[in-house]
Amino acid sequence: MITAKEKYYELKKQTDKCFQGVRDPIHDYVTELEQELAKLKESQTQKSIIKLCNRMDKAEAEKHIFYQAAKLKEIMEGWDEGK
């Protein structure tokens, strides 16, 4: 009489034979897809960083314009007081 354990190993051996030629290509394909996914995630992170840097540059430029406007206002108020 065949035990469940023996039956399991017999079926496993048969299954391994069936998938022997397929397992490596599938594994390679999955590995390739995982690498592409990692590259896409890195690319997305880099795009997010670039967008953030652009927003910071824009904010710095607006800050500079604001300070120039504040100085001009200060000068104009002093000029109006001098009249």
N, C-alpha and C. Protein backbone atom coordinates (compact mmCIF):
# COMPACT_ATOMS: atom_id res chain seq x y z
N MET A 1 0.85 -1.18 0.00
CA MET A 1 0.00 0.00 0.00
C MET A 1 0.90 1.25 0.00
N ILE A 2 0.53 2.23 -0.81
CA ILE A 2 1.30 3.47 -0.94
C ILE A 2 0.80 4.46 0.11
N THR A 3 1.75 5.04 0.84
CA THR A 3 1.38 6.05 1.83
C THR A 3 1.18 7.40 1.14
N ALA A 4 0.56 8.30 1.86
CA ALA A 4 0.30 9.64 1.32
C ALA A 4 1.62 10.34 1.01
N LYS A 5 2.61 10.12 1.84
CA LYS A 5 3.91 10.75 1.65
C LYS A 5 4.56 10.24 0.36
N GLU A 6 4.49 8.95 0.14
CA GLU A 6 5.06 8.36 -1.08
C GLU A 6 4.32 8.87 -2.32
N LYS A 7 2.99 8.95 -2.22
CA LYS A 7 2.18 9.45 -3.33
C LYS A 7 2.55 10.91 -3.64
N TYR A 8 2.73 11.70 -2.58
CA TYR A 8 3.12 13.11 -2.74
C TYR A 8 4.43 13.21 -3.52
N TYR A 9 5.45 12.46 -3.10
CA TYR A 9 6.75 12.54 -3.76
C TYR A 9 6.70 12.01 -5.20
N GLU A 10 5.86 11.02 -5.44
CA GLU A 10 5.69 10.50 -6.80
C GLU A 10 5.07 11.58 -7.69
N LEU A 11 4.03 12.22 -7.21
CA LEU A 11 3.38 13.29 -7.98
C LEU A 11 4.30 14.50 -8.15
N LYS A 12 5.06 14.78 -7.11
CA LYS A 12 6.01 15.90 -7.20
C LYS A 12 7.06 15.62 -8.27
N LYS A 13 7.55 14.39 -8.32
CA LYS A 13 8.54 14.01 -9.31
C LYS A 13 7.97 14.14 -10.72
N GLN A 14 6.72 13.72 -10.89
CA GLN A 14 6.07 13.84 -12.20
C GLN A 14 5.87 15.30 -12.59
N THR A 15 5.45 16.09 -11.63
CA THR A 15 5.22 17.52 -11.88
C THR A 15 6.53 18.20 -12.23
N ASP A 16 7.58 17.89 -11.51
CA ASP A 16 8.89 18.48 -11.80
C ASP A 16 9.34 18.15 -13.22
N LYS A 17 9.08 16.91 -13.67
CA LYS A 17 9.43 16.53 -15.04
C LYS A 17 8.64 17.35 -16.05
N CYS A 18 7.35 17.56 -15.78
CA CYS A 18 6.49 18.31 -16.70
C CYS A 18 6.96 19.77 -16.84
N PHE A 19 7.36 20.37 -15.73
CA PHE A 19 7.72 21.78 -15.73
C PHE A 19 9.21 22.03 -15.87
N GLN A 20 9.99 20.98 -16.09
CA GLN A 20 11.45 21.10 -16.14
C GLN A 20 11.90 22.10 -17.19
N GLY A 21 11.36 22.02 -18.39
CA GLY A 21 11.79 22.92 -19.45
C GLY A 21 11.15 24.29 -19.38
N VAL A 22 10.12 24.43 -18.57
CA VAL A 22 9.37 25.68 -18.50
C VAL A 22 9.81 26.54 -17.32
N ARG A 23 10.24 25.92 -16.26
CA ARG A 23 10.52 26.63 -15.00
C ARG A 23 11.58 27.71 -15.17
N ASP A 24 12.70 27.41 -15.82
CA ASP A 24 13.78 28.39 -15.97
C ASP A 24 13.36 29.60 -16.81
N PRO A 25 12.72 29.40 -17.98
CA PRO A 25 12.28 30.59 -18.73
C PRO A 25 11.29 31.45 -17.97
N ILE A 26 10.39 30.81 -17.24
CA ILE A 26 9.42 31.58 -16.44
C ILE A 26 10.15 32.37 -15.36
N HIS A 27 11.09 31.70 -14.69
CA HIS A 27 11.86 32.37 -13.63
C HIS A 27 12.64 33.56 -14.22
N ASP A 28 13.26 33.35 -15.38
CA ASP A 28 14.00 34.44 -16.03
C ASP A 28 13.08 35.60 -16.39
N TYR A 29 11.89 35.27 -16.90
CA TYR A 29 10.93 36.31 -17.29
C TYR A 29 10.46 37.10 -16.07
N VAL A 30 10.16 36.39 -14.99
CA VAL A 30 9.73 37.06 -13.76
C VAL A 30 10.85 37.95 -13.23
N THR A 31 12.08 37.47 -13.26
CA THR A 31 13.22 38.28 -12.82
C THR A 31 13.36 39.53 -13.67
N GLU A 32 13.19 39.37 -14.98
CA GLU A 32 13.28 40.52 -15.89
C GLU A 32 12.17 41.54 -15.59
N LEU A 33 10.96 41.05 -15.34
CA LEU A 33 9.86 41.96 -15.01
C LEU A 33 10.10 42.68 -13.69
N GLU A 34 10.66 41.98 -12.72
CA GLU A 34 10.98 42.61 -11.43
C GLU A 34 12.03 43.70 -11.60
N GLN A 35 13.01 43.48 -12.47
CA GLN A 35 14.04 44.49 -12.72
C GLN A 35 13.43 45.71 -13.42
N GLU A 36 12.53 45.46 -14.39
CA GLU A 36 11.87 46.58 -15.07
C GLU A 36 11.02 47.38 -14.09
N LEU A 37 10.33 46.69 -13.20
CA LEU A 37 9.52 47.36 -12.19
C LEU A 37 10.39 48.23 -11.29
N ALA A 38 11.53 47.72 -10.88
CA ALA A 38 12.45 48.49 -10.03
C ALA A 38 12.93 49.74 -10.77
N LYS A 39 13.24 49.61 -12.07
CA LYS A 39 13.68 50.76 -12.86
C LYS A 39 12.57 51.79 -12.97
N LEU A 40 11.33 51.33 -13.18
CA LEU A 40 10.20 52.26 -13.28
C LEU A 40 9.96 53.00 -11.97
N LYS A 41 10.08 52.27 -10.87
CA LYS A 41 9.91 52.92 -9.56
C LYS A 41 10.99 53.97 -9.33
N GLU A 42 12.22 53.64 -9.70
CA GLU A 42 13.33 54.59 -9.56
C GLU A 42 13.10 55.80 -10.45
N SER A 43 12.65 55.56 -11.66
CA SER A 43 12.38 56.64 -12.60
C SER A 43 11.27 57.55 -12.06
N GLN A 44 10.23 56.94 -11.50
CA GLN A 44 9.12 57.71 -10.94
C GLN A 44 9.60 58.55 -9.76
N THR A 45 10.47 57.98 -8.93
CA THR A 45 11.02 58.72 -7.80
C THR A 45 11.84 59.90 -8.30
N GLN A 46 12.65 59.68 -9.34
CA GLN A 46 13.46 60.76 -9.89
C GLN A 46 12.56 61.86 -10.47
N LYS A 47 11.47 61.49 -11.14
CA LYS A 47 10.54 62.48 -11.69
C LYS A 47 9.92 63.29 -10.56
N SER A 48 9.56 62.62 -9.47
CA SER A 48 8.97 63.32 -8.33
C SER A 48 9.96 64.31 -7.72
N ILE A 49 11.21 63.90 -7.63
CA ILE A 49 12.25 64.78 -7.08
C ILE A 49 12.45 65.99 -7.99
N ILE A 50 12.46 65.76 -9.30
CA ILE A 50 12.63 66.87 -10.25
C ILE A 50 11.46 67.84 -10.14
N LYS A 51 10.23 67.32 -10.04
CA LYS A 51 9.06 68.19 -9.89
C LYS A 51 9.17 69.02 -8.62
N LEU A 52 9.59 68.37 -7.54
CA LEU A 52 9.73 69.08 -6.26
C LEU A 52 10.79 70.17 -6.36
N CYS A 53 11.91 69.88 -7.02
CA CYS A 53 12.97 70.87 -7.20
C CYS A 53 12.47 72.05 -8.04
N ASN A 54 11.70 71.75 -9.08
CA ASN A 54 11.14 72.82 -9.91
C ASN A 54 10.19 73.71 -9.10
N ARG A 55 9.39 73.08 -8.25
CA ARG A 55 8.48 73.86 -7.40
C ARG A 55 9.26 74.73 -6.42
N MET A 56 10.36 74.18 -5.89
CA MET A 56 11.18 74.96 -4.95
C MET A 56 11.85 76.14 -5.67
N ASP A 57 12.33 75.90 -6.90
CA ASP A 57 12.93 76.98 -7.68
C ASP A 57 11.92 78.08 -7.95
N LYS A 58 10.70 77.68 -8.30
CA LYS A 58 9.64 78.66 -8.56
C LYS A 58 9.32 79.45 -7.29
N ALA A 59 9.25 78.77 -6.15
CA ALA A 59 8.97 79.44 -4.88
C ALA A 59 10.09 80.42 -4.53
N GLU A 60 11.34 80.03 -4.78
CA GLU A 60 12.46 80.93 -4.52
C GLU A 60 12.38 82.18 -5.40
N ALA A 61 12.02 81.99 -6.67
CA ALA A 61 11.90 83.12 -7.59
C ALA A 61 10.77 84.05 -7.14
N GLU A 62 9.63 83.47 -6.73
CA GLU A 62 8.51 84.28 -6.24
C GLU A 62 8.89 85.02 -4.97
N LYS A 63 9.64 84.36 -4.11
CA LYS A 63 10.11 84.99 -2.87
C LYS A 63 11.00 86.19 -3.20
N HIS A 64 11.88 86.02 -4.18
CA HIS A 64 12.77 87.10 -4.58
C HIS A 64 11.95 88.29 -5.12
N ILE A 65 10.95 88.00 -5.94
CA ILE A 65 10.09 89.05 -6.48
C ILE A 65 9.33 89.75 -5.36
N PHE A 66 8.86 88.98 -4.38
CA PHE A 66 8.14 89.55 -3.25
C PHE A 66 9.04 90.53 -2.47
N TYR A 67 10.27 90.10 -2.22
CA TYR A 67 11.20 90.97 -1.50
C TYR A 67 11.50 92.23 -2.30
N GLN A 68 11.65 92.12 -3.61
CA GLN A 68 11.88 93.30 -4.44
C GLN A 68 10.69 94.24 -4.37
N ALA A 69 9.48 93.67 -4.40
CA ALA A 69 8.27 94.50 -4.32
C ALA A 69 8.18 95.18 -2.96
N ALA A 70 8.55 94.47 -1.89
CA ALA A 70 8.51 95.05 -0.55
C ALA A 70 9.52 96.20 -0.44
N LYS A 71 10.71 96.02 -1.01
CA LYS A 71 11.71 97.09 -0.99
C LYS A 71 11.23 98.29 -1.79
N LEU A 72 10.63 98.04 -2.95
CA LEU A 72 10.11 99.12 -3.78
C LEU A 72 9.02 99.88 -3.05
N LYS A 73 8.16 99.15 -2.36
CA LYS A 73 7.09 99.79 -1.59
C LYS A 73 7.68 100.66 -0.49
N GLU A 74 8.70 100.13 0.16
CA GLU A 74 9.37 100.88 1.23
C GLU A 74 10.00 102.16 0.68
N ILE A 75 10.62 102.04 -0.48
CA ILE A 75 11.25 103.22 -1.11
C ILE A 75 10.18 104.23 -1.50
N MET A 76 9.07 103.76 -2.07
CA MET A 76 7.99 104.65 -2.49
C MET A 76 7.37 105.37 -1.30
N GLU A 77 7.19 104.65 -0.19
CA GLU A 77 6.63 105.27 1.00
C GLU A 77 7.57 106.34 1.54
N GLY A 78 8.87 106.06 1.50
CA GLY A 78 9.85 107.06 1.95
C GLY A 78 9.88 108.25 1.01
N TRP A 79 9.71 108.02 -0.26
CA TRP A 79 9.71 109.09 -1.25
C TRP A 79 8.46 109.97 -1.08
N ASP A 80 7.29 109.29 -0.78
CA ASP A 80 6.04 110.04 -0.57
C ASP A 80 6.16 110.89 0.70
N GLU A 81 6.81 110.40 1.73
CA GLU A 81 6.96 111.16 2.97
C GLU A 81 7.88 112.36 2.79
N GLY A 82 8.81 112.24 1.83
CA GLY A 82 9.77 113.32 1.59
C GLY A 82 9.15 114.48 0.82
N LYS A 83 8.04 114.30 0.21
CA LYS A 83 7.40 115.37 -0.58
C LYS A 83 6.76 116.38 0.27
